[in-house]
Amino acid sequence: MKLMLQLLAFILLLGVIYIVIMNAGETVTLNIMAPQYQPGTEVLQHFTKTFSVPFFALSVLGAGLISGLCLFVPFYLTQTEQLFAFKRELEKSSIKSDSSNAQVKVLQAKVEVLEKALKNALK
């Protein structure tokens, strides 16, 4: 799945590069704001801006990458914090189990010593 997503991203990036190369000399006109009608002069005023297609395509690509990073980074940081917390809990539990195993061995040794002492006392 991970490889498939990376392959898809690579193909889409190649598609953007292809569009940029094929439309190097072209321009695109975008409406920046909605047209406004001025009642006194009865003129419809358009607020447009003309961009070259490569600049526009690369700008949209860059904005998409930045917005994707801004959306992904908080989830990634939360997941890494949870992973580190899980690792700490795992280490704590392993230390506790090691110490309890050591205590059991000490108690078993004491029981054996007491059994030997009882056998010696009964003789």
PDB file of N, CA and C in Angstrom:
ATOM      1  N   MET A   1       0.827  -1.193   0.000  1.00  0.00           N
ATOM      2  CA  MET A   1       0.000   0.000   0.000  1.00  0.00           C
ATOM      3  C   MET A   1       0.869   1.253   0.000  1.00  0.00           C
ATOM      4  N   LYS A   2       1.918   1.208   0.850  1.00  0.00           N
ATOM      5  CA  LYS A   2       2.816   2.363   0.929  1.00  0.00           C
ATOM      6  C   LYS A   2       3.518   2.591  -0.405  1.00  0.00           C
ATOM      7  N   LEU A   3       3.976   1.511  -1.013  1.00  0.00           N
ATOM      8  CA  LEU A   3       4.649   1.613  -2.304  1.00  0.00           C
ATOM      9  C   LEU A   3       3.688   2.120  -3.375  1.00  0.00           C
ATOM     10  N   MET A   4       2.428   1.684  -3.300  1.00  0.00           N
ATOM     11  CA  MET A   4       1.444   2.109  -4.282  1.00  0.00           C
ATOM     12  C   MET A   4       1.183   3.616  -4.171  1.00  0.00           C
ATOM     13  N   LEU A   5       1.077   4.128  -2.940  1.00  0.00           N
ATOM     14  CA  LEU A   5       0.856   5.561  -2.742  1.00  0.00           C
ATOM     15  C   LEU A   5       2.055   6.379  -3.219  1.00  0.00           C
ATOM     16  N   GLN A   6       3.251   5.880  -2.958  1.00  0.00           N
ATOM     17  CA  GLN A   6       4.449   6.587  -3.428  1.00  0.00           C
ATOM     18  C   GLN A   6       4.509   6.591  -4.948  1.00  0.00           C
ATOM     19  N   LEU A   7       4.152   5.494  -5.562  1.00  0.00           N
ATOM     20  CA  LEU A   7       4.128   5.420  -7.025  1.00  0.00           C
ATOM     21  C   LEU A   7       3.094   6.375  -7.600  1.00  0.00           C
ATOM     22  N   LEU A   8       1.922   6.450  -6.977  1.00  0.00           N
ATOM     23  CA  LEU A   8       0.886   7.374  -7.427  1.00  0.00           C
ATOM     24  C   LEU A   8       1.342   8.825  -7.300  1.00  0.00           C
ATOM     25  N   ALA A   9       1.979   9.161  -6.183  1.00  0.00           N
ATOM     26  CA  ALA A   9       2.489  10.524  -5.989  1.00  0.00           C
ATOM     27  C   ALA A   9       3.546  10.859  -7.037  1.00  0.00           C
ATOM     28  N   PHE A  10       4.418   9.918  -7.345  1.00  0.00           N
ATOM     29  CA  PHE A  10       5.455  10.136  -8.351  1.00  0.00           C
ATOM     30  C   PHE A  10       4.838  10.356  -9.731  1.00  0.00           C
ATOM     31  N   ILE A  11       3.823   9.580 -10.070  1.00  0.00           N
ATOM     32  CA  ILE A  11       3.160   9.726 -11.376  1.00  0.00           C
ATOM     33  C   ILE A  11       2.454  11.084 -11.461  1.00  0.00           C
ATOM     34  N   LEU A  12       1.798  11.500 -10.367  1.00  0.00           N
ATOM     35  CA  LEU A  12       1.136  12.810 -10.369  1.00  0.00           C
ATOM     36  C   LEU A  12       2.148  13.939 -10.499  1.00  0.00           C
ATOM     37  N   LEU A  13       3.286  13.812  -9.858  1.00  0.00           N
ATOM     38  CA  LEU A  13       4.331  14.822  -9.973  1.00  0.00           C
ATOM     39  C   LEU A  13       4.863  14.881 -11.405  1.00  0.00           C
ATOM     40  N   LEU A  14       5.041  13.742 -12.024  1.00  0.00           N
ATOM     41  CA  LEU A  14       5.458  13.728 -13.428  1.00  0.00           C
ATOM     42  C   LEU A  14       4.394  14.361 -14.328  1.00  0.00           C
ATOM     43  N   GLY A  15       3.118  14.173 -13.993  1.00  0.00           N
ATOM     44  CA  GLY A  15       2.039  14.807 -14.750  1.00  0.00           C
ATOM     45  C   GLY A  15       2.095  16.320 -14.655  1.00  0.00           C
ATOM     46  N   VAL A  16       2.358  16.842 -13.465  1.00  0.00           N
ATOM     47  CA  VAL A  16       2.475  18.294 -13.299  1.00  0.00           C
ATOM     48  C   VAL A  16       3.669  18.820 -14.091  1.00  0.00           C
ATOM     49  N   ILE A  17       4.779  18.116 -14.030  1.00  0.00           N
ATOM     50  CA  ILE A  17       5.969  18.538 -14.784  1.00  0.00           C
ATOM     51  C   ILE A  17       5.683  18.520 -16.285  1.00  0.00           C
ATOM     52  N   TYR A  18       4.947  17.512 -16.747  1.00  0.00           N
ATOM     53  CA  TYR A  18       4.584  17.434 -18.159  1.00  0.00           C
ATOM     54  C   TYR A  18       3.715  18.634 -18.560  1.00  0.00           C
ATOM     55  N   ILE A  19       2.732  18.969 -17.730  1.00  0.00           N
ATOM     56  CA  ILE A  19       1.859  20.118 -18.026  1.00  0.00           C
ATOM     57  C   ILE A  19       2.660  21.408 -18.060  1.00  0.00           C
ATOM     58  N   VAL A  20       3.598  21.554 -17.134  1.00  0.00           N
ATOM     59  CA  VAL A  20       4.431  22.759 -17.099  1.00  0.00           C
ATOM     60  C   VAL A  20       5.264  22.873 -18.365  1.00  0.00           C
ATOM     61  N   ILE A  21       5.859  21.787 -18.794  1.00  0.00           N
ATOM     62  CA  ILE A  21       6.715  21.818 -19.989  1.00  0.00           C
ATOM     63  C   ILE A  21       5.888  22.088 -21.246  1.00  0.00           C
ATOM     64  N   MET A  22       4.731  21.439 -21.368  1.00  0.00           N
ATOM     65  CA  MET A  22       3.908  21.593 -22.569  1.00  0.00           C
ATOM     66  C   MET A  22       3.283  22.980 -22.687  1.00  0.00           C
ATOM     67  N   ASN A  23       3.094  23.679 -21.589  1.00  0.00           N
ATOM     68  CA  ASN A  23       2.437  24.981 -21.612  1.00  0.00           C
ATOM     69  C   ASN A  23       3.375  26.105 -21.174  1.00  0.00           C
ATOM     70  N   ALA A  24       4.624  26.009 -21.532  1.00  0.00           N
ATOM     71  CA  ALA A  24       5.628  26.970 -21.062  1.00  0.00           C
ATOM     72  C   ALA A  24       5.335  28.396 -21.512  1.00  0.00           C
ATOM     73  N   GLY A  25       4.793  28.580 -22.688  1.00  0.00           N
ATOM     74  CA  GLY A  25       4.563  29.933 -23.191  1.00  0.00           C
ATOM     75  C   GLY A  25       3.146  30.442 -22.990  1.00  0.00           C
ATOM     76  N   GLU A  26       2.277  29.655 -22.415  1.00  0.00           N
ATOM     77  CA  GLU A  26       0.867  30.019 -22.268  1.00  0.00           C
ATOM     78  C   GLU A  26       0.624  30.828 -20.996  1.00  0.00           C
ATOM     79  N   THR A  27      -0.495  31.549 -20.996  1.00  0.00           N
ATOM     80  CA  THR A  27      -0.886  32.298 -19.804  1.00  0.00           C
ATOM     81  C   THR A  27      -2.315  31.915 -19.423  1.00  0.00           C
ATOM     82  N   VAL A  28      -2.640  32.169 -18.164  1.00  0.00           N
ATOM     83  CA  VAL A  28      -3.976  31.911 -17.654  1.00  0.00           C
ATOM     84  C   VAL A  28      -4.422  33.152 -16.893  1.00  0.00           C
ATOM     85  N   THR A  29      -5.677  33.522 -17.062  1.00  0.00           N
ATOM     86  CA  THR A  29      -6.223  34.692 -16.382  1.00  0.00           C
ATOM     87  C   THR A  29      -7.192  34.212 -15.307  1.00  0.00           C
ATOM     88  N   LEU A  30      -6.961  34.659 -14.098  1.00  0.00           N
ATOM     89  CA  LEU A  30      -7.790  34.249 -12.961  1.00  0.00           C
ATOM     90  C   LEU A  30      -8.532  35.442 -12.390  1.00  0.00           C
ATOM     91  N   ASN A  31      -9.762  35.212 -11.965  1.00  0.00           N
ATOM     92  CA  ASN A  31     -10.522  36.240 -11.249  1.00  0.00           C
ATOM     93  C   ASN A  31     -10.046  36.256  -9.807  1.00  0.00           C
ATOM     94  N   ILE A  32      -9.542  37.390  -9.369  1.00  0.00           N
ATOM     95  CA  ILE A  32      -9.071  37.521  -7.991  1.00  0.00           C
ATOM     96  C   ILE A  32     -10.241  37.809  -7.058  1.00  0.00           C
ATOM     97  N   MET A  33     -11.135  38.669  -7.476  1.00  0.00           N
ATOM     98  CA  MET A  33     -12.332  39.003  -6.696  1.00  0.00           C
ATOM     99  C   MET A  33     -13.529  38.928  -7.632  1.00  0.00           C
ATOM    100  N   ALA A  34     -14.734  38.877  -7.064  1.00  0.00           N
ATOM    101  CA  ALA A  34     -15.948  38.837  -7.868  1.00  0.00           C
ATOM    102  C   ALA A  34     -16.108  40.161  -8.619  1.00  0.00           C
ATOM    103  N   PRO A  35     -16.669  40.120  -9.817  1.00  0.00           N
ATOM    104  CA  PRO A  35     -16.896  41.369 -10.559  1.00  0.00           C
ATOM    105  C   PRO A  35     -17.823  42.296  -9.782  1.00  0.00           C
ATOM    106  N   GLN A  36     -17.533  43.588  -9.863  1.00  0.00           N
ATOM    107  CA  GLN A  36     -18.345  44.578  -9.157  1.00  0.00           C
ATOM    108  C   GLN A  36     -18.972  45.538 -10.173  1.00  0.00           C
ATOM    109  N   TYR A  37     -20.246  45.784  -9.956  1.00  0.00           N
ATOM    110  CA  TYR A  37     -20.987  46.700 -10.819  1.00  0.00           C
ATOM    111  C   TYR A  37     -21.016  48.067 -10.149  1.00  0.00           C
ATOM    112  N   GLN A  38     -20.562  49.080 -10.874  1.00  0.00           N
ATOM    113  CA  GLN A  38     -20.582  50.445 -10.345  1.00  0.00           C
ATOM    114  C   GLN A  38     -21.793  51.157 -10.932  1.00  0.00           C
ATOM    115  N   PRO A  39     -22.788  51.435 -10.066  1.00  0.00           N
ATOM    116  CA  PRO A  39     -24.058  51.961 -10.591  1.00  0.00           C
ATOM    117  C   PRO A  39     -23.942  53.341 -11.228  1.00  0.00           C
ATOM    118  N   GLY A  40     -23.089  54.207 -10.761  1.00  0.00           N
ATOM    119  CA  GLY A  40     -23.007  55.557 -11.319  1.00  0.00           C
ATOM    120  C   GLY A  40     -22.485  55.567 -12.738  1.00  0.00           C
ATOM    121  N   THR A  41     -21.486  54.764 -13.005  1.00  0.00           N
ATOM    122  CA  THR A  41     -20.878  54.752 -14.339  1.00  0.00           C
ATOM    123  C   THR A  41     -21.391  53.609 -15.190  1.00  0.00           C
ATOM    124  N   GLU A  42     -22.176  52.720 -14.594  1.00  0.00           N
ATOM    125  CA  GLU A  42     -22.716  51.547 -15.275  1.00  0.00           C
ATOM    126  C   GLU A  42     -21.625  50.724 -15.946  1.00  0.00           C
ATOM    127  N   VAL A  43     -20.541  50.521 -15.200  1.00  0.00           N
ATOM    128  CA  VAL A  43     -19.418  49.724 -15.694  1.00  0.00           C
ATOM    129  C   VAL A  43     -19.270  48.512 -14.783  1.00  0.00           C
ATOM    130  N   LEU A  44     -19.034  47.366 -15.396  1.00  0.00           N
ATOM    131  CA  LEU A  44     -18.766  46.146 -14.648  1.00  0.00           C
ATOM    132  C   LEU A  44     -17.249  45.987 -14.562  1.00  0.00           C
ATOM    133  N   GLN A  45     -16.742  46.064 -13.366  1.00  0.00           N
ATOM    134  CA  GLN A  45     -15.294  46.029 -13.183  1.00  0.00           C
ATOM    135  C   GLN A  45     -14.871  44.624 -12.743  1.00  0.00           C
ATOM    136  N   HIS A  46     -13.923  44.057 -13.481  1.00  0.00           N
ATOM    137  CA  HIS A  46     -13.398  42.720 -13.174  1.00  0.00           C
ATOM    138  C   HIS A  46     -12.026  42.868 -12.534  1.00  0.00           C
ATOM    139  N   PHE A  47     -11.801  42.080 -11.502  1.00  0.00           N
ATOM    140  CA  PHE A  47     -10.490  42.056 -10.851  1.00  0.00           C
ATOM    141  C   PHE A  47      -9.802  40.751 -11.236  1.00  0.00           C
ATOM    142  N   THR A  48      -8.952  40.826 -12.259  1.00  0.00           N
ATOM    143  CA  THR A  48      -8.285  39.631 -12.770  1.00  0.00           C
ATOM    144  C   THR A  48      -6.773  39.802 -12.681  1.00  0.00           C
ATOM    145  N   LYS A  49      -6.104  38.680 -12.760  1.00  0.00           N
ATOM    146  CA  LYS A  49      -4.640  38.667 -12.769  1.00  0.00           C
ATOM    147  C   LYS A  49      -4.214  37.605 -13.768  1.00  0.00           C
ATOM    148  N   THR A  50      -3.218  37.921 -14.569  1.00  0.00           N
ATOM    149  CA  THR A  50      -2.723  36.990 -15.574  1.00  0.00           C
ATOM    150  C   THR A  50      -1.417  36.368 -15.091  1.00  0.00           C
ATOM    151  N   PHE A  51      -1.369  35.042 -15.135  1.00  0.00           N
ATOM    152  CA  PHE A  51      -0.191  34.285 -14.720  1.00  0.00           C
ATOM    153  C   PHE A  51       0.260  33.393 -15.865  1.00  0.00           C
ATOM    154  N   SER A  52       1.528  33.039 -15.862  1.00  0.00           N
ATOM    155  CA  SER A  52       1.980  32.029 -16.806  1.00  0.00           C
ATOM    156  C   SER A  52       1.563  30.659 -16.250  1.00  0.00           C
ATOM    157  N   VAL A  53       1.264  29.730 -17.136  1.00  0.00           N
ATOM    158  CA  VAL A  53       0.795  28.407 -16.719  1.00  0.00           C
ATOM    159  C   VAL A  53       1.837  27.679 -15.879  1.00  0.00           C
ATOM    160  N   PRO A  54       3.131  27.695 -16.239  1.00  0.00           N
ATOM    161  CA  PRO A  54       4.107  27.017 -15.373  1.00  0.00           C
ATOM    162  C   PRO A  54       4.158  27.602 -13.958  1.00  0.00           C
ATOM    163  N   PHE A  55       4.111  28.933 -13.851  1.00  0.00           N
ATOM    164  CA  PHE A  55       4.120  29.547 -12.524  1.00  0.00           C
ATOM    165  C   PHE A  55       2.878  29.150 -11.733  1.00  0.00           C
ATOM    166  N   PHE A  56       1.725  29.170 -12.399  1.00  0.00           N
ATOM    167  CA  PHE A  56       0.477  28.814 -11.731  1.00  0.00           C
ATOM    168  C   PHE A  56       0.492  27.348 -11.286  1.00  0.00           C
ATOM    169  N   ALA A  57       0.943  26.457 -12.166  1.00  0.00           N
ATOM    170  CA  ALA A  57       0.967  25.027 -11.832  1.00  0.00           C
ATOM    171  C   ALA A  57       1.934  24.750 -10.685  1.00  0.00           C
ATOM    172  N   LEU A  58       3.113  25.355 -10.739  1.00  0.00           N
ATOM    173  CA  LEU A  58       4.084  25.144  -9.667  1.00  0.00           C
ATOM    174  C   LEU A  58       3.627  25.789  -8.360  1.00  0.00           C
ATOM    175  N   SER A  59       2.915  26.907  -8.451  1.00  0.00           N
ATOM    176  CA  SER A  59       2.374  27.542  -7.246  1.00  0.00           C
ATOM    177  C   SER A  59       1.316  26.658  -6.592  1.00  0.00           C
ATOM    178  N   VAL A  60       0.441  26.083  -7.408  1.00  0.00           N
ATOM    179  CA  VAL A  60      -0.587  25.188  -6.869  1.00  0.00           C
ATOM    180  C   VAL A  60       0.060  23.937  -6.282  1.00  0.00           C
ATOM    181  N   LEU A  61       1.085  23.408  -6.950  1.00  0.00           N
ATOM    182  CA  LEU A  61       1.808  22.243  -6.434  1.00  0.00           C
ATOM    183  C   LEU A  61       2.462  22.570  -5.098  1.00  0.00           C
ATOM    184  N   GLY A  62       3.139  23.701  -5.016  1.00  0.00           N
ATOM    185  CA  GLY A  62       3.789  24.105  -3.770  1.00  0.00           C
ATOM    186  C   GLY A  62       2.790  24.339  -2.646  1.00  0.00           C
ATOM    187  N   ALA A  63       1.672  24.983  -2.967  1.00  0.00           N
ATOM    188  CA  ALA A  63       0.642  25.211  -1.951  1.00  0.00           C
ATOM    189  C   ALA A  63       0.050  23.890  -1.469  1.00  0.00           C
ATOM    190  N   GLY A  64      -0.118  22.963  -2.374  1.00  0.00           N
ATOM    191  CA  GLY A  64      -0.632  21.641  -1.994  1.00  0.00           C
ATOM    192  C   GLY A  64       0.340  20.893  -1.103  1.00  0.00           C
ATOM    193  N   LEU A  65       1.622  20.965  -1.435  1.00  0.00           N
ATOM    194  CA  LEU A  65       2.629  20.299  -0.598  1.00  0.00           C
ATOM    195  C   LEU A  65       2.687  20.908   0.796  1.00  0.00           C
ATOM    196  N   ILE A  66       2.659  22.223   0.863  1.00  0.00           N
ATOM    197  CA  ILE A  66       2.723  22.894   2.165  1.00  0.00           C
ATOM    198  C   ILE A  66       1.470  22.600   2.984  1.00  0.00           C
ATOM    199  N   SER A  67       0.296  22.653   2.358  1.00  0.00           N
ATOM    200  CA  SER A  67      -0.925  22.357   3.110  1.00  0.00           C
ATOM    201  C   SER A  67      -0.967  20.897   3.539  1.00  0.00           C
ATOM    202  N   GLY A  68      -0.469  20.001   2.704  1.00  0.00           N
ATOM    203  CA  GLY A  68      -0.388  18.586   3.086  1.00  0.00           C
ATOM    204  C   GLY A  68       0.527  18.381   4.280  1.00  0.00           C
ATOM    205  N   LEU A  69       1.666  19.057   4.271  1.00  0.00           N
ATOM    206  CA  LEU A  69       2.572  18.965   5.419  1.00  0.00           C
ATOM    207  C   LEU A  69       1.927  19.524   6.678  1.00  0.00           C
ATOM    208  N   CYS A  70       1.257  20.659   6.535  1.00  0.00           N
ATOM    209  CA  CYS A  70       0.608  21.265   7.707  1.00  0.00           C
ATOM    210  C   CYS A  70      -0.491  20.368   8.263  1.00  0.00           C
ATOM    211  N   LEU A  71      -1.169  19.625   7.406  1.00  0.00           N
ATOM    212  CA  LEU A  71      -2.201  18.710   7.873  1.00  0.00           C
ATOM    213  C   LEU A  71      -1.607  17.431   8.456  1.00  0.00           C
ATOM    214  N   PHE A  72      -0.478  16.964   7.917  1.00  0.00           N
ATOM    215  CA  PHE A  72       0.088  15.680   8.308  1.00  0.00           C
ATOM    216  C   PHE A  72       0.945  15.758   9.560  1.00  0.00           C
ATOM    217  N   VAL A  73       1.691  16.836   9.735  1.00  0.00           N
ATOM    218  CA  VAL A  73       2.658  16.938  10.833  1.00  0.00           C
ATOM    219  C   VAL A  73       2.019  16.783  12.216  1.00  0.00           C
ATOM    220  N   PRO A  74       0.875  17.404  12.525  1.00  0.00           N
ATOM    221  CA  PRO A  74       0.290  17.184  13.861  1.00  0.00           C
ATOM    222  C   PRO A  74      -0.045  15.719  14.137  1.00  0.00           C
ATOM    223  N   PHE A  75      -0.578  15.013  13.139  1.00  0.00           N
ATOM    224  CA  PHE A  75      -0.880  13.600  13.324  1.00  0.00           C
ATOM    225  C   PHE A  75       0.398  12.791  13.536  1.00  0.00           C
ATOM    226  N   TYR A  76       1.432  13.119  12.791  1.00  0.00           N
ATOM    227  CA  TYR A  76       2.708  12.410  12.919  1.00  0.00           C
ATOM    228  C   TYR A  76       3.308  12.637  14.304  1.00  0.00           C
ATOM    229  N   LEU A  77       3.287  13.886  14.777  1.00  0.00           N
ATOM    230  CA  LEU A  77       3.844  14.172  16.093  1.00  0.00           C
ATOM    231  C   LEU A  77       3.052  13.474  17.195  1.00  0.00           C
ATOM    232  N   THR A  78       1.739  13.444  17.088  1.00  0.00           N
ATOM    233  CA  THR A  78       0.916  12.741  18.070  1.00  0.00           C
ATOM    234  C   THR A  78       1.226  11.253  18.068  1.00  0.00           C
ATOM    235  N   GLN A  79       1.391  10.694  16.895  1.00  0.00           N
ATOM    236  CA  GLN A  79       1.672   9.266  16.802  1.00  0.00           C
ATOM    237  C   GLN A  79       3.056   8.937  17.379  1.00  0.00           C
ATOM    238  N   THR A  80       4.052   9.775  17.135  1.00  0.00           N
ATOM    239  CA  THR A  80       5.378   9.509  17.694  1.00  0.00           C
ATOM    240  C   THR A  80       5.372   9.669  19.212  1.00  0.00           C
ATOM    241  N   GLU A  81       4.613  10.648  19.733  1.00  0.00           N
ATOM    242  CA  GLU A  81       4.506  10.785  21.188  1.00  0.00           C
ATOM    243  C   GLU A  81       3.864   9.546  21.797  1.00  0.00           C
ATOM    244  N   GLN A  82       2.819   9.033  21.176  1.00  0.00           N
ATOM    245  CA  GLN A  82       2.176   7.826  21.678  1.00  0.00           C
ATOM    246  C   GLN A  82       3.112   6.625  21.604  1.00  0.00           C
ATOM    247  N   LEU A  83       3.915   6.558  20.549  1.00  0.00           N
ATOM    248  CA  LEU A  83       4.868   5.465  20.416  1.00  0.00           C
ATOM    249  C   LEU A  83       5.924   5.524  21.519  1.00  0.00           C
ATOM    250  N   PHE A  84       6.452   6.723  21.810  1.00  0.00           N
ATOM    251  CA  PHE A  84       7.440   6.855  22.875  1.00  0.00           C
ATOM    252  C   PHE A  84       6.830   6.536  24.236  1.00  0.00           C
ATOM    253  N   ALA A  85       5.573   6.937  24.464  1.00  0.00           N
ATOM    254  CA  ALA A  85       4.896   6.620  25.726  1.00  0.00           C
ATOM    255  C   ALA A  85       4.719   5.109  25.858  1.00  0.00           C
ATOM    256  N   PHE A  86       4.361   4.439  24.767  1.00  0.00           N
ATOM    257  CA  PHE A  86       4.217   2.992  24.791  1.00  0.00           C
ATOM    258  C   PHE A  86       5.551   2.308  25.078  1.00  0.00           C
ATOM    259  N   LYS A  87       6.625   2.810  24.474  1.00  0.00           N
ATOM    260  CA  LYS A  87       7.949   2.244  24.732  1.00  0.00           C
ATOM    261  C   LYS A  87       8.345   2.405  26.192  1.00  0.00           C
ATOM    262  N   ARG A  88       8.061   3.578  26.780  1.00  0.00           N
ATOM    263  CA  ARG A  88       8.370   3.798  28.192  1.00  0.00           C
ATOM    264  C   ARG A  88       7.587   2.835  29.084  1.00  0.00           C
ATOM    265  N   GLU A  89       6.297   2.653  28.779  1.00  0.00           N
ATOM    266  CA  GLU A  89       5.483   1.721  29.565  1.00  0.00           C
ATOM    267  C   GLU A  89       6.008   0.297  29.420  1.00  0.00           C
ATOM    268  N   LEU A  90       6.421  -0.072  28.234  1.00  0.00           N
ATOM    269  CA  LEU A  90       6.964  -1.400  28.001  1.00  0.00           C
ATOM    270  C   LEU A  90       8.251  -1.602  28.790  1.00  0.00           C
ATOM    271  N   GLU A  91       9.114  -0.589  28.805  1.00  0.00           N
ATOM    272  CA  GLU A  91      10.350  -0.676  29.587  1.00  0.00           C
ATOM    273  C   GLU A  91      10.048  -0.786  31.073  1.00  0.00           C
ATOM    274  N   LYS A  92       9.077   0.005  31.563  1.00  0.00           N
ATOM    275  CA  LYS A  92       8.702  -0.057  32.975  1.00  0.00           C
ATOM    276  C   LYS A  92       8.182  -1.441  33.345  1.00  0.00           C
ATOM    277  N   SER A  93       7.333  -1.990  32.490  1.00  0.00           N
ATOM    278  CA  SER A  93       6.772  -3.312  32.793  1.00  0.00           C
ATOM    279  C   SER A  93       7.851  -4.381  32.748  1.00  0.00           C
ATOM    280  N   SER A  94       8.802  -4.268  31.834  1.00  0.00           N
ATOM    281  CA  SER A  94       9.874  -5.271  31.786  1.00  0.00           C
ATOM    282  C   SER A  94      10.782  -5.148  33.004  1.00  0.00           C
ATOM    283  N   ILE A  95      11.019  -3.912  33.460  1.00  0.00           N
ATOM    284  CA  ILE A  95      11.824  -3.724  34.669  1.00  0.00           C
ATOM    285  C   ILE A  95      11.089  -4.289  35.878  1.00  0.00           C
ATOM    286  N   LYS A  96       9.778  -4.061  35.958  1.00  0.00           N
ATOM    287  CA  LYS A  96       8.995  -4.600  37.062  1.00  0.00           C
ATOM    288  C   LYS A  96       9.005  -6.112  37.053  1.00  0.00           C
ATOM    289  N   SER A  97       8.874  -6.715  35.886  1.00  0.00           N
ATOM    290  CA  SER A  97       8.882  -8.178  35.809  1.00  0.00           C
ATOM    291  C   SER A  97      10.260  -8.727  36.167  1.00  0.00           C
ATOM    292  N   ASP A  98      11.318  -8.033  35.764  1.00  0.00           N
ATOM    293  CA  ASP A  98      12.664  -8.468  36.142  1.00  0.00           C
ATOM    294  C   ASP A  98      12.858  -8.397  37.646  1.00  0.00           C
ATOM    295  N   SER A  99      12.390  -7.319  38.276  1.00  0.00           N
ATOM    296  CA  SER A  99      12.554  -7.181  39.721  1.00  0.00           C
ATOM    297  C   SER A  99      11.687  -8.191  40.460  1.00  0.00           C
ATOM    298  N   SER A 100      10.489  -8.484  39.962  1.00  0.00           N
ATOM    299  CA  SER A 100       9.641  -9.476  40.622  1.00  0.00           C
ATOM    300  C   SER A 100      10.227 -10.874  40.456  1.00  0.00           C
ATOM    301  N   ASN A 101      10.826 -11.159  39.308  1.00  0.00           N
ATOM    302  CA  ASN A 101      11.498 -12.450  39.117  1.00  0.00           C
ATOM    303  C   ASN A 101      12.664 -12.592  40.081  1.00  0.00           C
ATOM    304  N   ALA A 102      13.401 -11.507  40.272  1.00  0.00           N
ATOM    305  CA  ALA A 102      14.528 -11.542  41.217  1.00  0.00           C
ATOM    306  C   ALA A 102      14.026 -11.764  42.643  1.00  0.00           C
ATOM    307  N   GLN A 103      12.910 -11.119  42.990  1.00  0.00           N
ATOM    308  CA  GLN A 103      12.348 -11.302  44.333  1.00  0.00           C
ATOM    309  C   GLN A 103      11.870 -12.729  44.532  1.00  0.00           C
ATOM    310  N   VAL A 104      11.284 -13.335  43.529  1.00  0.00           N
ATOM    311  CA  VAL A 104      10.832 -14.723  43.618  1.00  0.00           C
ATOM    312  C   VAL A 104      12.028 -15.646  43.830  1.00  0.00           C
ATOM    313  N   LYS A 105      13.107 -15.408  43.106  1.00  0.00           N
ATOM    314  CA  LYS A 105      14.302 -16.249  43.260  1.00  0.00           C
ATOM    315  C   LYS A 105      14.888 -16.112  44.661  1.00  0.00           C
ATOM    316  N   VAL A 106      14.911 -14.887  45.188  1.00  0.00           N
ATOM    317  CA  VAL A 106      15.415 -14.664  46.543  1.00  0.00           C
ATOM    318  C   VAL A 106      14.545 -15.400  47.556  1.00  0.00           C
ATOM    319  N   LEU A 107      13.225 -15.305  47.392  1.00  0.00           N
ATOM    320  CA  LEU A 107      12.312 -15.991  48.307  1.00  0.00           C
ATOM    321  C   LEU A 107      12.459 -17.511  48.211  1.00  0.00           C
ATOM    322  N   GLN A 108      12.651 -18.037  47.008  1.00  0.00           N
ATOM    323  CA  GLN A 108      12.853 -19.472  46.844  1.00  0.00           C
ATOM    324  C   GLN A 108      14.140 -19.908  47.541  1.00  0.00           C
ATOM    325  N   ALA A 109      15.183 -19.103  47.426  1.00  0.00           N
ATOM    326  CA  ALA A 109      16.449 -19.435  48.101  1.00  0.00           C
ATOM    327  C   ALA A 109      16.263 -19.424  49.612  1.00  0.00           C
ATOM    328  N   LYS A 110      15.501 -18.446  50.130  1.00  0.00           N
ATOM    329  CA  LYS A 110      15.256 -18.384  51.575  1.00  0.00           C
ATOM    330  C   LYS A 110      14.455 -19.586  52.046  1.00  0.00           C
ATOM    331  N   VAL A 111      13.459 -20.002  51.254  1.00  0.00           N
ATOM    332  CA  VAL A 111      12.662 -21.168  51.615  1.00  0.00           C
ATOM    333  C   VAL A 111      13.543 -22.402  51.659  1.00  0.00           C
ATOM    334  N   GLU A 112      14.433 -22.563  50.690  1.00  0.00           N
ATOM    335  CA  GLU A 112      15.332 -23.713  50.673  1.00  0.00           C
ATOM    336  C   GLU A 112      16.246 -23.715  51.891  1.00  0.00           C
ATOM    337  N   VAL A 113      16.751 -22.545  52.258  1.00  0.00           N
ATOM    338  CA  VAL A 113      17.622 -22.438  53.436  1.00  0.00           C
ATOM    339  C   VAL A 113      16.844 -22.805  54.697  1.00  0.00           C
ATOM    340  N   LEU A 114      15.629 -22.311  54.806  1.00  0.00           N
ATOM    341  CA  LEU A 114      14.803 -22.624  55.976  1.00  0.00           C
ATOM    342  C   LEU A 114      14.434 -24.109  56.023  1.00  0.00           C
ATOM    343  N   GLU A 115      14.160 -24.717  54.863  1.00  0.00           N
ATOM    344  CA  GLU A 115      13.868 -26.152  54.836  1.00  0.00           C
ATOM    345  C   GLU A 115      15.069 -26.959  55.299  1.00  0.00           C
ATOM    346  N   LYS A 116      16.264 -26.576  54.850  1.00  0.00           N
ATOM    347  CA  LYS A 116      17.479 -27.277  55.274  1.00  0.00           C
ATOM    348  C   LYS A 116      17.705 -27.103  56.779  1.00  0.00           C
ATOM    349  N   ALA A 117      17.463 -25.878  57.257  1.00  0.00           N
ATOM    350  CA  ALA A 117      17.639 -25.629  58.696  1.00  0.00           C
ATOM    351  C   ALA A 117      16.628 -26.436  59.505  1.00  0.00           C
ATOM    352  N   LEU A 118      15.379 -26.568  59.021  1.00  0.00           N
ATOM    353  CA  LEU A 118      14.358 -27.345  59.720  1.00  0.00           C
ATOM    354  C   LEU A 118      14.724 -28.813  59.736  1.00  0.00           C
ATOM    355  N   LYS A 119      15.232 -29.321  58.604  1.00  0.00           N
ATOM    356  CA  LYS A 119      15.651 -30.735  58.542  1.00  0.00           C
ATOM    357  C   LYS A 119      16.799 -31.003  59.510  1.00  0.00           C
ATOM    358  N   ASN A 120      17.742 -30.066  59.557  1.00  0.00           N
ATOM    359  CA  ASN A 120      18.876 -30.218  60.477  1.00  0.00           C
ATOM    360  C   ASN A 120      18.404 -30.152  61.935  1.00  0.00           C
ATOM    361  N   ALA A 121      17.422 -29.283  62.217  1.00  0.00           N
ATOM    362  CA  ALA A 121      16.941 -29.149  63.595  1.00  0.00           C
ATOM    363  C   ALA A 121      16.142 -30.379  64.025  1.00  0.00           C
ATOM    364  N   LEU A 122      15.448 -31.030  63.076  1.00  0.00           N
ATOM    365  CA  LEU A 122      14.654 -32.203  63.422  1.00  0.00           C
ATOM    366  C   LEU A 122      15.526 -33.443  63.594  1.00  0.00           C
ATOM    367  N   LYS A 123      16.715 -33.457  63.097  1.00  0.00           N
ATOM    368  CA  LYS A 123      17.612 -34.608  63.243  1.00  0.00           C
ATOM    369  C   LYS A 123      18.165 -34.579  64.592  1.00  0.00           C
TER     370      LYS A 123
END
